[in-house]
């Protein structure tokens, strides 16, 4: 039986761009270029490596987002994933992690799965809790923050590296895992992969097809909200210390004043 892998990916604003909030205090995604979250590229890479080792495996990439989010799916498909699912609905605007996890869980159940792989966090929200919430909604084990992952005989195993120790973890499939940016460099899509991606199937689903009510997601259904936001103050000129024999002392006094030493 084929190993069914679902990789959750996110279309995020480019971190190098001028990111800011829209009038409704959600992230403005119209005035900045978007891309496949770099941290999710590691999840796609690990799925590809697992599939390479399996006798038979199929990789589905899944995203929740606006029309432009298809670009993230195409990037994952060009890396080597087999097919994609795009959940798009106007009522999803402003969904927090609770609403997003609900939509992902419903879509994953509809698609069918043995293993769900995610990145360690999104580069826009950076909450890092979605894998755990997703596993809870699906009712399956979670093995998170792995720097190494393997699947064999119906079991997923992996290594989680901490500051002082590394843990070896395992769980029976079906399961949800998340991988870190230490799990292995993501491959760069080849020209052949980019061309092949254009022919791979991309399904589009909305909330009705997932049996989700509009009030369960979006700003109305969010459990969290941004009350206010302010621009970061402009950077001020630094302090210049001219060394006329007392430079070292002045530098030490400055560092002590800032409580750096």
Protein backbone atom coordinates (compact mmCIF):
# COMPACT_ATOMS: atom_id res chain seq x y z
CA UNK A 1 0.00 0.00 0.00
CA UNK A 2 1.31 3.43 -0.93
CA UNK A 3 2.62 5.66 1.87
CA UNK A 4 0.45 8.80 1.76
CA UNK A 5 2.44 11.87 2.82
CA UNK A 6 0.80 15.28 3.18
CA UNK A 7 3.09 18.29 3.54
CA UNK A 8 1.52 21.49 4.88
CA UNK A 9 3.09 24.58 3.33
CA UNK A 10 2.42 28.29 3.62
CA UNK A 11 2.62 31.22 1.25
CA UNK A 12 4.20 34.04 3.25
CA UNK A 13 5.35 37.64 2.67
CA UNK A 14 9.02 37.88 1.72
CA UNK A 15 10.95 38.55 4.94
CA UNK A 16 13.28 40.89 3.05
CA UNK A 17 10.36 43.06 1.92
CA UNK A 18 8.63 45.96 3.65
CA UNK A 19 6.14 44.00 5.73
CA UNK A 20 3.36 45.80 7.59
CA UNK A 21 -0.23 45.49 8.78
CA UNK A 22 -3.33 46.27 6.73
CA UNK A 23 -6.14 48.50 8.01
CA UNK A 24 -7.86 45.55 9.71
CA UNK A 25 -4.60 44.70 11.54
CA UNK A 26 -3.99 41.55 9.55
CA UNK A 27 -0.73 41.09 7.67
CA UNK A 28 -0.77 43.08 4.43
CA UNK A 29 -0.12 40.51 1.72
CA UNK A 30 -0.92 42.73 -1.26
CA UNK A 31 1.95 45.22 -1.14
CA UNK A 32 4.81 42.74 -0.67
CA UNK A 33 5.98 39.78 -2.71
CA UNK A 34 5.11 36.34 -1.38
CA UNK A 35 6.85 32.97 -1.53
CA UNK A 36 6.92 29.46 -0.12
CA UNK A 37 8.01 29.74 3.51
CA UNK A 38 11.68 28.78 3.71
CA UNK A 39 11.02 26.66 6.80
CA UNK A 40 8.41 24.68 4.86
CA UNK A 41 10.97 23.87 2.17
CA UNK A 42 12.69 21.66 4.76
CA UNK A 43 9.41 19.78 5.26
CA UNK A 44 9.08 19.20 1.51
CA UNK A 45 12.69 17.99 1.37
CA UNK A 46 12.18 15.48 4.16
CA UNK A 47 9.02 14.19 2.51
CA UNK A 48 10.97 13.64 -0.72
CA UNK A 49 13.71 11.78 1.12
CA UNK A 50 11.19 9.56 2.90
CA UNK A 51 9.46 8.84 -0.41
CA UNK A 52 12.79 7.93 -2.00
CA UNK A 53 13.34 5.28 0.68
CA UNK A 54 9.80 3.88 0.53
CA UNK A 55 8.71 1.15 -1.85
CA UNK A 56 5.72 3.23 -2.88
CA UNK A 57 4.84 6.74 -1.71
CA UNK A 58 2.79 9.73 -2.83
CA UNK A 59 3.40 13.30 -1.68
CA UNK A 60 0.58 15.83 -1.56
CA UNK A 61 1.35 19.45 -0.70
CA UNK A 62 -1.45 21.37 0.98
CA UNK A 63 -1.89 25.08 1.55
CA UNK A 64 -4.57 27.43 2.82
CA UNK A 65 -4.48 30.91 1.33
CA UNK A 66 -5.44 33.35 -1.41
CA UNK A 67 -5.06 32.86 -5.16
CA UNK A 68 -1.35 33.72 -5.10
CA UNK A 69 -0.71 30.85 -2.68
CA UNK A 70 -0.63 28.57 -5.72
CA UNK A 71 2.91 29.88 -6.25
CA UNK A 72 3.98 28.11 -3.05
CA UNK A 73 2.38 24.89 -4.28
CA UNK A 74 4.12 25.15 -7.65
CA UNK A 75 7.48 25.57 -5.92
CA UNK A 76 6.88 22.42 -3.87
CA UNK A 77 5.71 20.53 -6.96
CA UNK A 78 8.80 21.62 -8.87
CA UNK A 79 10.92 20.21 -6.03
CA UNK A 80 9.31 16.81 -6.63
CA UNK A 81 5.95 16.53 -4.84
CA UNK A 82 3.28 14.63 -6.79
CA UNK A 83 0.14 16.73 -6.43
CA UNK A 84 -1.29 19.68 -4.56
CA UNK A 85 -4.42 20.90 -2.79
CA UNK A 86 -5.27 24.58 -2.44
CA UNK A 87 -7.96 25.61 0.05
CA UNK A 88 -9.16 29.05 -0.96
CA UNK A 89 -12.17 30.96 0.33
CA UNK A 90 -12.79 34.66 0.96
CA UNK A 91 -14.11 33.83 4.43
CA UNK A 92 -10.66 32.54 5.43
CA UNK A 93 -9.21 36.05 5.57
CA UNK A 94 -7.80 36.80 9.01
CA UNK A 95 -7.86 33.20 10.28
CA UNK A 96 -5.55 32.59 13.24
CA UNK A 97 -3.77 29.32 14.04
CA UNK A 98 -6.95 27.76 15.45
CA UNK A 99 -8.97 28.42 12.31
CA UNK A 100 -6.11 27.43 10.03
CA UNK A 101 -5.55 24.17 11.90
CA UNK A 102 -9.25 23.33 11.56
CA UNK A 103 -9.15 23.84 7.80
CA UNK A 104 -5.92 21.86 7.43
CA UNK A 105 -7.27 18.99 9.52
CA UNK A 106 -10.47 18.76 7.48
CA UNK A 107 -8.51 18.89 4.22
CA UNK A 108 -6.03 16.26 5.37
CA UNK A 109 -8.82 13.91 6.40
CA UNK A 110 -10.55 14.44 3.05
CA UNK A 111 -7.31 13.82 1.13
CA UNK A 112 -6.30 10.73 3.14
CA UNK A 113 -2.93 10.41 4.85
CA UNK A 114 -0.46 8.27 6.75
CA UNK A 115 2.08 10.95 7.61
CA UNK A 116 1.73 14.74 7.87
CA UNK A 117 4.91 16.83 7.72
CA UNK A 118 5.21 20.53 8.53
CA UNK A 119 7.96 23.05 9.05
CA UNK A 120 8.87 24.11 12.57
CA UNK A 121 7.00 27.45 12.27
CA UNK A 122 5.77 29.92 9.69
CA UNK A 123 8.03 32.85 8.93
CA UNK A 124 5.19 35.37 9.25
CA UNK A 125 3.27 34.23 12.35
CA UNK A 126 6.21 32.30 13.93
CA UNK A 127 3.93 30.70 16.54
CA UNK A 128 5.24 27.16 16.04
CA UNK A 129 2.19 25.54 17.66
CA UNK A 130 0.25 24.47 14.57
CA UNK A 131 1.74 20.92 14.32
CA UNK A 132 0.65 20.12 17.88
CA UNK A 133 -2.85 21.57 17.40
CA UNK A 134 -3.17 19.76 14.08
CA UNK A 135 -2.24 16.43 15.66
CA UNK A 136 -4.82 17.01 18.38
CA UNK A 137 -7.54 17.74 15.83
CA UNK A 138 -6.61 14.62 13.84
CA UNK A 139 -6.35 12.49 16.98
CA UNK A 140 -2.88 11.16 16.11
CA UNK A 141 0.57 11.29 17.75
CA UNK A 142 2.87 14.25 17.22
CA UNK A 143 6.67 14.10 16.95
CA UNK A 144 7.87 17.67 16.59
CA UNK A 145 11.04 19.70 16.02
CA UNK A 146 12.99 16.89 14.41
CA UNK A 147 16.40 17.39 12.86
CA UNK A 148 16.31 13.86 11.47
CA UNK A 149 13.30 11.75 10.45
CA UNK A 150 12.75 8.27 9.00
CA UNK A 151 9.77 6.02 8.33
CA UNK A 152 9.95 2.24 8.48
CA UNK A 153 7.45 -0.56 9.13
CA UNK A 154 4.60 1.77 10.03
CA UNK A 155 6.65 3.80 12.48
CA UNK A 156 8.14 7.27 12.20
CA UNK A 157 11.34 7.90 14.15
CA UNK A 158 13.40 11.03 14.57
CA UNK A 159 15.97 12.97 16.55
CA UNK A 160 15.16 16.17 18.42
CA UNK A 161 18.20 18.24 19.34
CA UNK A 162 18.05 20.39 22.45
CA UNK A 163 20.54 22.74 24.07
CA UNK A 164 22.00 20.07 26.33
CA UNK A 165 20.85 16.74 24.88
CA UNK A 166 19.31 14.96 21.90
CA UNK A 167 16.21 12.78 22.12
CA UNK A 168 15.28 9.81 19.95
CA UNK A 169 11.52 9.75 19.41
CA UNK A 170 9.09 7.48 17.62
CA UNK A 171 5.38 7.16 16.92
CA UNK A 172 3.12 4.77 15.08
CA UNK A 173 1.54 5.98 11.86
CA UNK A 174 -0.64 7.89 11.20
CA UNK A 175 1.22 10.79 12.82
CA UNK A 176 2.17 14.44 12.49
CA UNK A 177 5.81 15.51 12.48
CA UNK A 178 7.54 18.86 12.17
CA UNK A 179 11.12 19.33 11.06
CA UNK A 180 13.65 22.07 11.81
CA UNK A 181 16.01 23.98 9.59
CA UNK A 182 18.74 21.57 10.71
CA UNK A 183 17.10 18.58 9.00
CA UNK A 184 18.95 19.02 5.70
CA UNK A 185 19.27 21.63 2.97
CA UNK A 186 16.25 21.74 0.66
CA UNK A 187 16.96 20.88 -2.97
CA UNK A 188 16.77 23.52 -5.66
CA UNK A 189 14.15 22.81 -8.35
CA UNK A 190 15.67 21.71 -11.64
CA UNK A 191 14.45 23.01 -15.00
CA UNK A 192 12.94 19.59 -15.63
CA UNK A 193 11.15 19.75 -12.28
CA UNK A 194 9.80 23.23 -12.99
CA UNK A 195 8.40 22.13 -16.34
CA UNK A 196 6.94 18.92 -14.88
CA UNK A 197 5.22 20.90 -12.10
CA UNK A 198 3.04 22.67 -14.67
CA UNK A 199 1.38 19.34 -15.53
CA UNK A 200 0.88 18.06 -11.98
CA UNK A 201 -2.68 18.20 -10.58
CA UNK A 202 -3.71 21.03 -8.25
CA UNK A 203 -7.15 20.68 -6.65
CA UNK A 204 -8.99 23.71 -5.29
CA UNK A 205 -11.38 23.32 -2.35
CA UNK A 206 -13.49 25.83 -0.46
CA UNK A 207 -15.11 25.80 2.98
CA UNK A 208 -18.33 24.19 1.74
CA UNK A 209 -16.41 21.20 0.41
CA UNK A 210 -14.78 20.78 3.81
CA UNK A 211 -18.07 21.20 5.71
CA UNK A 212 -16.77 24.24 7.62
CA UNK A 213 -18.96 27.21 8.52
CA UNK A 214 -17.66 30.71 7.78
CA UNK A 215 -18.01 31.78 11.42
CA UNK A 216 -15.56 29.06 12.48
CA UNK A 217 -12.68 30.73 10.62
CA UNK A 218 -11.55 34.19 9.52
CA UNK A 219 -11.46 37.18 11.83
CA UNK A 220 -14.86 36.29 13.29
CA UNK A 221 -13.79 32.81 14.29
CA UNK A 222 -10.30 33.68 15.54
CA UNK A 223 -9.37 32.92 19.12
CA UNK A 224 -6.67 35.60 19.01
CA UNK A 225 -6.67 39.18 17.75
CA UNK A 226 -4.26 42.05 17.23
CA UNK A 227 -5.56 45.05 19.20
CA UNK A 228 -3.06 47.61 17.98
CA UNK A 229 0.15 47.96 16.00
CA UNK A 230 2.77 50.65 15.58
CA UNK A 231 5.68 51.05 13.22
CA UNK A 232 9.13 50.35 14.59
CA UNK A 233 10.89 53.64 15.45
CA UNK A 234 13.44 54.81 12.92
CA UNK A 235 16.99 53.82 13.74
CA UNK A 236 18.90 56.63 15.47
CA UNK A 237 22.50 57.55 14.91
CA UNK A 238 24.95 55.53 16.95
CA UNK A 239 27.38 56.85 19.55
CA UNK A 240 30.85 57.57 18.21
CA UNK A 241 33.78 57.17 20.58
CA UNK A 242 36.93 59.02 19.52
CA UNK A 243 40.00 57.41 20.99
CA UNK A 244 42.19 60.12 22.40
CA UNK A 245 43.68 57.90 25.05
CA UNK A 246 40.41 57.24 26.91
CA UNK A 247 38.60 55.26 24.18
CA UNK A 248 38.70 51.95 26.04
CA UNK A 249 37.35 53.50 29.20
CA UNK A 250 34.56 55.30 27.34
CA UNK A 251 33.59 52.09 25.54
CA UNK A 252 33.50 50.15 28.82
CA UNK A 253 31.34 52.86 30.41
CA UNK A 254 28.95 52.78 27.47
CA UNK A 255 28.60 48.98 27.60
CA UNK A 256 28.07 49.10 31.36
CA UNK A 257 25.46 51.81 30.95
CA UNK A 258 23.56 49.60 28.51
CA UNK A 259 24.00 46.68 30.94
CA UNK A 260 25.89 44.66 28.34
CA UNK A 261 28.65 44.03 30.88
